């Protein structure tokens, strides 16, 4: 049942993004992902969190029937001394 659901993990840093996991993903449960969502819940979450990332370990895009998202560009906001 958990594998047919998904969960969102809160950002781990101030500038971080929430992450979507499959319901049974050990990374999501270890890192405090929230309640289990159905497909409608995931659709609502993507509207609420446009920067929602997807776990590379459990690959929730496969169970959602969507293409793998493109990788995000690396942060380049580092100030030079």
N, C-alpha and C. Protein backbone atom coordinates (compact mmCIF):
# COMPACT_ATOMS: atom_id res chain seq x y z
N UNK A 1 0.82 -1.20 0.00
CA UNK A 1 0.00 0.00 0.00
C UNK A 1 0.86 1.26 0.00
N UNK A 2 1.96 1.25 0.78
CA UNK A 2 2.82 2.44 0.85
C UNK A 2 3.44 2.78 -0.50
N UNK A 3 3.75 1.76 -1.32
CA UNK A 3 4.40 2.01 -2.61
C UNK A 3 3.44 2.66 -3.62
N UNK A 4 2.15 2.59 -3.36
CA UNK A 4 1.20 3.25 -4.26
C UNK A 4 0.81 4.63 -3.74
N UNK A 5 1.58 5.13 -2.78
CA UNK A 5 1.40 6.47 -2.22
C UNK A 5 2.73 7.20 -2.25
N UNK A 6 2.71 8.48 -1.93
CA UNK A 6 3.91 9.31 -1.95
C UNK A 6 3.92 10.20 -0.72
N UNK A 7 5.10 10.71 -0.37
CA UNK A 7 5.23 11.58 0.80
C UNK A 7 6.21 12.70 0.47
N UNK A 8 5.99 13.85 1.10
CA UNK A 8 6.85 15.01 0.89
C UNK A 8 7.70 15.24 2.13
N UNK A 9 8.99 15.37 1.90
CA UNK A 9 9.94 15.68 2.96
C UNK A 9 10.17 17.18 2.95
N UNK A 10 10.10 17.80 4.11
CA UNK A 10 10.33 19.24 4.23
C UNK A 10 11.77 19.57 3.82
N UNK A 11 12.03 20.79 3.38
CA UNK A 11 13.41 21.17 3.05
C UNK A 11 14.33 20.97 4.24
N UNK A 12 15.56 20.54 3.97
CA UNK A 12 16.53 20.30 5.03
C UNK A 12 17.40 21.51 5.31
N UNK A 13 17.30 22.55 4.50
CA UNK A 13 18.09 23.77 4.69
C UNK A 13 17.20 24.97 4.40
N UNK A 14 17.61 26.14 4.86
CA UNK A 14 16.81 27.35 4.66
C UNK A 14 16.51 27.61 3.18
N UNK A 15 17.47 27.40 2.33
CA UNK A 15 17.28 27.64 0.89
C UNK A 15 16.94 26.37 0.13
N UNK A 16 16.64 25.29 0.84
CA UNK A 16 16.35 24.01 0.21
C UNK A 16 14.95 23.92 -0.36
N UNK A 17 14.66 22.80 -0.98
CA UNK A 17 13.36 22.55 -1.59
C UNK A 17 12.77 21.28 -0.98
N UNK A 18 11.44 21.19 -0.90
CA UNK A 18 10.83 19.95 -0.44
C UNK A 18 11.11 18.84 -1.45
N UNK A 19 11.08 17.59 -0.98
CA UNK A 19 11.39 16.46 -1.85
C UNK A 19 10.27 15.42 -1.79
N UNK A 20 9.90 14.92 -2.95
CA UNK A 20 8.88 13.89 -3.06
C UNK A 20 9.53 12.51 -3.04
N UNK A 21 8.97 11.61 -2.24
CA UNK A 21 9.44 10.23 -2.12
C UNK A 21 8.26 9.29 -2.36
N UNK A 22 8.55 8.05 -2.77
CA UNK A 22 7.53 7.01 -2.74
C UNK A 22 7.24 6.72 -1.27
N UNK A 23 6.07 6.26 -0.98
CA UNK A 23 5.66 6.03 0.40
C UNK A 23 6.56 5.10 1.17
N UNK A 24 7.17 4.13 0.50
CA UNK A 24 8.02 3.17 1.19
C UNK A 24 9.50 3.50 1.15
N UNK A 25 9.87 4.67 0.68
CA UNK A 25 11.29 5.04 0.56
C UNK A 25 11.92 5.19 1.95
N UNK A 26 13.00 4.47 2.16
CA UNK A 26 13.66 4.54 3.47
C UNK A 26 14.25 5.92 3.72
N UNK A 27 14.68 6.63 2.69
CA UNK A 27 15.21 7.98 2.90
C UNK A 27 14.11 8.93 3.38
N UNK A 28 12.94 8.79 2.80
CA UNK A 28 11.83 9.64 3.22
C UNK A 28 11.42 9.39 4.65
N UNK A 29 11.36 8.13 5.05
CA UNK A 29 10.94 7.84 6.42
C UNK A 29 12.03 8.21 7.42
N UNK A 30 13.30 8.08 7.04
CA UNK A 30 14.40 8.45 7.93
C UNK A 30 14.47 9.96 8.12
N UNK A 31 14.06 10.69 7.13
CA UNK A 31 14.21 12.15 7.16
C UNK A 31 12.91 12.87 7.44
N UNK A 32 11.93 12.16 7.93
CA UNK A 32 10.70 12.79 8.39
C UNK A 32 9.75 13.26 7.32
N UNK A 33 9.59 12.49 6.24
CA UNK A 33 8.59 12.84 5.24
C UNK A 33 7.21 12.81 5.89
N UNK A 34 6.32 13.63 5.39
CA UNK A 34 5.00 13.78 5.99
C UNK A 34 4.04 12.66 5.67
N UNK A 35 2.77 12.97 5.77
CA UNK A 35 1.71 11.99 5.56
C UNK A 35 1.72 11.46 4.13
N UNK A 36 1.15 10.28 3.96
CA UNK A 36 1.08 9.68 2.63
C UNK A 36 0.03 10.37 1.78
N UNK A 37 0.38 10.60 0.52
CA UNK A 37 -0.51 11.29 -0.42
C UNK A 37 -0.93 10.35 -1.53
N UNK A 38 -2.12 10.59 -2.09
CA UNK A 38 -2.54 9.89 -3.29
C UNK A 38 -2.14 10.75 -4.49
N UNK A 39 -2.50 10.34 -5.70
CA UNK A 39 -2.12 11.11 -6.90
C UNK A 39 -2.65 12.54 -6.86
N UNK A 40 -3.89 12.72 -6.40
CA UNK A 40 -4.45 14.07 -6.31
C UNK A 40 -3.65 14.92 -5.33
N UNK A 41 -3.21 14.31 -4.24
CA UNK A 41 -2.40 15.02 -3.26
C UNK A 41 -1.06 15.44 -3.83
N UNK A 42 -0.46 14.58 -4.66
CA UNK A 42 0.81 14.92 -5.31
C UNK A 42 0.58 16.07 -6.29
N UNK A 43 -0.51 16.02 -7.06
CA UNK A 43 -0.82 17.10 -8.00
C UNK A 43 -0.98 18.42 -7.27
N UNK A 44 -1.66 18.42 -6.15
CA UNK A 44 -1.82 19.64 -5.35
C UNK A 44 -0.48 20.12 -4.82
N UNK A 45 0.36 19.18 -4.40
CA UNK A 45 1.67 19.53 -3.85
C UNK A 45 2.56 20.18 -4.92
N UNK A 46 2.48 19.69 -6.15
CA UNK A 46 3.31 20.29 -7.20
C UNK A 46 2.86 21.71 -7.52
N UNK A 47 1.59 21.99 -7.33
CA UNK A 47 1.11 23.37 -7.50
C UNK A 47 1.56 24.24 -6.33
N UNK A 48 1.49 23.69 -5.14
CA UNK A 48 1.87 24.44 -3.93
C UNK A 48 3.38 24.65 -3.85
N UNK A 49 4.15 23.65 -4.28
CA UNK A 49 5.61 23.70 -4.23
C UNK A 49 6.17 23.55 -5.65
N UNK A 50 6.25 24.63 -6.42
CA UNK A 50 6.75 24.52 -7.79
C UNK A 50 8.20 24.05 -7.88
N UNK A 51 8.96 24.20 -6.79
CA UNK A 51 10.36 23.76 -6.77
C UNK A 51 10.51 22.37 -6.14
N UNK A 52 9.43 21.60 -6.11
CA UNK A 52 9.45 20.27 -5.52
C UNK A 52 10.47 19.40 -6.25
N UNK A 53 11.39 18.81 -5.49
CA UNK A 53 12.38 17.89 -6.07
C UNK A 53 11.88 16.47 -5.90
N UNK A 54 12.48 15.55 -6.65
CA UNK A 54 12.10 14.14 -6.55
C UNK A 54 13.32 13.32 -6.17
N UNK A 55 13.13 12.40 -5.26
CA UNK A 55 14.21 11.54 -4.76
C UNK A 55 14.80 10.69 -5.88
N UNK A 56 16.12 10.73 -6.01
CA UNK A 56 16.79 9.91 -7.03
C UNK A 56 16.88 8.44 -6.62
N UNK A 57 16.71 8.15 -5.34
CA UNK A 57 16.81 6.78 -4.86
C UNK A 57 15.53 6.00 -5.15
N UNK A 58 14.38 6.54 -4.77
CA UNK A 58 13.12 5.80 -4.95
C UNK A 58 12.42 6.13 -6.27
N UNK A 59 12.86 7.17 -6.97
CA UNK A 59 12.35 7.53 -8.30
C UNK A 59 10.82 7.60 -8.38
N UNK A 60 10.19 8.54 -7.65
CA UNK A 60 8.73 8.59 -7.65
C UNK A 60 8.11 8.91 -8.99
N UNK A 61 8.87 9.47 -9.92
CA UNK A 61 8.32 9.78 -11.23
C UNK A 61 7.86 8.51 -11.95
N UNK A 62 8.54 7.41 -11.72
CA UNK A 62 8.15 6.15 -12.37
C UNK A 62 6.78 5.68 -11.94
N UNK A 63 6.51 5.72 -10.64
CA UNK A 63 5.20 5.28 -10.15
C UNK A 63 4.09 6.28 -10.46
N UNK A 64 4.49 7.52 -10.78
CA UNK A 64 3.51 8.53 -11.18
C UNK A 64 3.26 8.52 -12.69
N UNK A 65 4.10 7.78 -13.43
CA UNK A 65 3.93 7.70 -14.88
C UNK A 65 4.36 8.95 -15.60
N UNK A 66 5.35 9.67 -15.05
CA UNK A 66 5.86 10.88 -15.69
C UNK A 66 7.34 10.70 -16.00
N UNK A 67 7.87 11.55 -16.85
CA UNK A 67 9.29 11.50 -17.19
C UNK A 67 10.14 11.97 -16.02
N UNK A 68 11.37 11.47 -15.98
CA UNK A 68 12.31 11.90 -14.94
C UNK A 68 12.57 13.40 -15.10
N UNK A 69 12.45 14.16 -14.01
CA UNK A 69 12.71 15.60 -14.10
C UNK A 69 14.17 15.87 -14.46
N UNK A 70 14.40 16.99 -15.11
CA UNK A 70 15.77 17.41 -15.41
C UNK A 70 16.48 17.80 -14.12
N UNK A 71 17.79 17.56 -14.05
CA UNK A 71 18.52 17.97 -12.84
C UNK A 71 18.51 19.48 -12.68
N UNK A 72 18.51 19.90 -11.45
CA UNK A 72 18.56 21.33 -11.16
C UNK A 72 19.99 21.82 -11.35
N UNK A 73 20.15 23.07 -11.82
CA UNK A 73 21.51 23.60 -11.93
C UNK A 73 22.11 23.79 -10.54
N UNK A 74 23.41 23.66 -10.47
CA UNK A 74 24.11 23.85 -9.19
C UNK A 74 24.04 25.32 -8.78
N UNK A 75 24.02 25.54 -7.49
CA UNK A 75 24.00 26.91 -6.96
C UNK A 75 25.32 27.60 -7.28
N UNK A 76 25.22 28.83 -7.74
CA UNK A 76 26.42 29.60 -8.08
C UNK A 76 26.44 30.93 -7.34
N UNK A 77 25.70 31.01 -6.26
CA UNK A 77 25.57 32.26 -5.52
C UNK A 77 26.64 32.43 -4.44
N UNK A 78 27.82 31.91 -4.67
CA UNK A 78 28.88 31.99 -3.66
C UNK A 78 29.62 33.31 -3.85
N UNK A 79 29.75 34.07 -2.79
CA UNK A 79 30.46 35.35 -2.85
C UNK A 79 31.96 35.11 -2.82
N UNK A 80 32.68 35.77 -3.70
CA UNK A 80 34.14 35.69 -3.68
C UNK A 80 34.67 36.70 -2.66
N UNK A 81 35.69 36.30 -1.87
CA UNK A 81 36.25 37.26 -0.88
C UNK A 81 37.00 38.37 -1.53
